[in-house]
């Protein structure tokens, strides 16, 4: 019984992590697209905004890496 519950919980956690991964990848693409859009404008006033978007890209890239590591841990059980 304990093994069955653990498998059920692991599957639920894995499903949740996969949903988080999909959401994180979407957010990463959104911020990359925003950087591209801002760079096309060629406006010096948006340099701070571009820098903020680059920070967000780094944050989401790190989040994606952590989520993928967590998924690997769960799948290896």
C-alpha atoms as a PDB file:
ATOM      1  CA  UNK A   1       0.000   0.000   0.000  1.00  0.00           C
ATOM      2  CA  UNK A   2       2.785   2.418   0.887  1.00  0.00           C
ATOM      3  CA  UNK A   3       4.523   1.810  -2.470  1.00  0.00           C
ATOM      4  CA  UNK A   4       1.295   2.489  -4.372  1.00  0.00           C
ATOM      5  CA  UNK A   5       0.758   5.794  -2.533  1.00  0.00           C
ATOM      6  CA  UNK A   6       4.330   6.841  -3.194  1.00  0.00           C
ATOM      7  CA  UNK A   7       3.966   6.069  -6.902  1.00  0.00           C
ATOM      8  CA  UNK A   8       0.714   8.013  -7.036  1.00  0.00           C
ATOM      9  CA  UNK A   9       2.266  10.992  -5.264  1.00  0.00           C
ATOM     10  CA  UNK A  10       5.391  10.816  -7.427  1.00  0.00           C
ATOM     11  CA  UNK A  11       3.257  10.814 -10.555  1.00  0.00           C
ATOM     12  CA  UNK A  12       1.308  13.838  -9.334  1.00  0.00           C
ATOM     13  CA  UNK A  13       4.530  15.691  -8.476  1.00  0.00           C
ATOM     14  CA  UNK A  14       5.992  14.763 -11.869  1.00  0.00           C
ATOM     15  CA  UNK A  15       2.881  16.040 -13.648  1.00  0.00           C
ATOM     16  CA  UNK A  16       3.081  19.272 -11.662  1.00  0.00           C
ATOM     17  CA  UNK A  17       6.780  19.717 -12.498  1.00  0.00           C
ATOM     18  CA  UNK A  18       6.079  19.166 -16.197  1.00  0.00           C
ATOM     19  CA  UNK A  19       3.378  21.837 -16.081  1.00  0.00           C
ATOM     20  CA  UNK A  20       5.813  24.189 -14.341  1.00  0.00           C
ATOM     21  CA  UNK A  21       8.392  23.454 -17.029  1.00  0.00           C
ATOM     22  CA  UNK A  22       5.951  24.250 -19.808  1.00  0.00           C
ATOM     23  CA  UNK A  23       4.991  27.523 -18.112  1.00  0.00           C
ATOM     24  CA  UNK A  24       8.641  28.462 -17.497  1.00  0.00           C
ATOM     25  CA  UNK A  25       9.543  27.792 -21.132  1.00  0.00           C
ATOM     26  CA  UNK A  26       6.646  29.982 -22.235  1.00  0.00           C
ATOM     27  CA  UNK A  27       7.831  32.809 -19.946  1.00  0.00           C
ATOM     28  CA  UNK A  28      11.385  32.477 -21.229  1.00  0.00           C
ATOM     29  CA  UNK A  29      10.232  32.757 -24.838  1.00  0.00           C
ATOM     30  CA  UNK A  30       8.085  35.754 -23.941  1.00  0.00           C
ATOM     31  CA  UNK A  31      11.054  37.622 -22.430  1.00  0.00           C
ATOM     32  CA  UNK A  32      13.337  36.729 -25.352  1.00  0.00           C
ATOM     33  CA  UNK A  33      10.709  38.005 -27.768  1.00  0.00           C
ATOM     34  CA  UNK A  34      10.410  41.221 -25.744  1.00  0.00           C
ATOM     35  CA  UNK A  35      14.197  41.764 -25.939  1.00  0.00           C
ATOM     36  CA  UNK A  36      14.066  41.300 -29.723  1.00  0.00           C
ATOM     37  CA  UNK A  37      11.161  43.725 -29.980  1.00  0.00           C
ATOM     38  CA  UNK A  38      12.912  46.342 -27.868  1.00  0.00           C
ATOM     39  CA  UNK A  39      16.171  46.001 -29.805  1.00  0.00           C
ATOM     40  CA  UNK A  40      14.336  46.588 -33.081  1.00  0.00           C
ATOM     41  CA  UNK A  41      12.991  49.913 -31.830  1.00  0.00           C
ATOM     42  CA  UNK A  42      16.524  51.402 -31.666  1.00  0.00           C
ATOM     43  CA  UNK A  43      15.537  53.718 -28.871  1.00  0.00           C
ATOM     44  CA  UNK A  44      18.220  54.537 -26.303  1.00  0.00           C
ATOM     45  CA  UNK A  45      15.525  55.128 -23.675  1.00  0.00           C
ATOM     46  CA  UNK A  46      14.726  51.426 -23.561  1.00  0.00           C
ATOM     47  CA  UNK A  47      18.208  50.209 -22.565  1.00  0.00           C
ATOM     48  CA  UNK A  48      17.129  49.778 -18.939  1.00  0.00           C
ATOM     49  CA  UNK A  49      14.086  47.828 -20.061  1.00  0.00           C
ATOM     50  CA  UNK A  50      16.265  45.583 -22.245  1.00  0.00           C
ATOM     51  CA  UNK A  51      18.583  44.967 -19.294  1.00  0.00           C
ATOM     52  CA  UNK A  52      15.602  44.035 -17.102  1.00  0.00           C
ATOM     53  CA  UNK A  53      14.385  41.607 -19.763  1.00  0.00           C
ATOM     54  CA  UNK A  54      17.863  40.036 -19.944  1.00  0.00           C
ATOM     55  CA  UNK A  55      17.768  39.523 -16.180  1.00  0.00           C
ATOM     56  CA  UNK A  56      14.400  37.839 -16.539  1.00  0.00           C
ATOM     57  CA  UNK A  57      15.798  35.571 -19.268  1.00  0.00           C
ATOM     58  CA  UNK A  58      18.585  34.522 -16.888  1.00  0.00           C
ATOM     59  CA  UNK A  59      16.105  33.887 -14.070  1.00  0.00           C
ATOM     60  CA  UNK A  60      13.808  31.789 -16.266  1.00  0.00           C
ATOM     61  CA  UNK A  61      16.743  29.893 -17.771  1.00  0.00           C
ATOM     62  CA  UNK A  62      17.908  28.992 -14.253  1.00  0.00           C
ATOM     63  CA  UNK A  63      14.363  28.020 -13.250  1.00  0.00           C
ATOM     64  CA  UNK A  64      14.051  25.737 -16.272  1.00  0.00           C
ATOM     65  CA  UNK A  65      17.345  24.064 -15.408  1.00  0.00           C
ATOM     66  CA  UNK A  66      16.194  23.438 -11.812  1.00  0.00           C
ATOM     67  CA  UNK A  67      12.817  22.087 -12.919  1.00  0.00           C
ATOM     68  CA  UNK A  68      14.478  19.706 -15.400  1.00  0.00           C
ATOM     69  CA  UNK A  69      16.795  18.459 -12.650  1.00  0.00           C
ATOM     70  CA  UNK A  70      13.810  17.866 -10.377  1.00  0.00           C
ATOM     71  CA  UNK A  71      12.002  15.965 -13.143  1.00  0.00           C
ATOM     72  CA  UNK A  72      15.081  13.774 -13.657  1.00  0.00           C
ATOM     73  CA  UNK A  73      15.200  12.997  -9.917  1.00  0.00           C
ATOM     74  CA  UNK A  74      11.560  12.000  -9.852  1.00  0.00           C
ATOM     75  CA  UNK A  75      11.827   9.872 -13.005  1.00  0.00           C
ATOM     76  CA  UNK A  76      14.911   8.047 -11.694  1.00  0.00           C
ATOM     77  CA  UNK A  77      13.044   6.760  -8.616  1.00  0.00           C
END
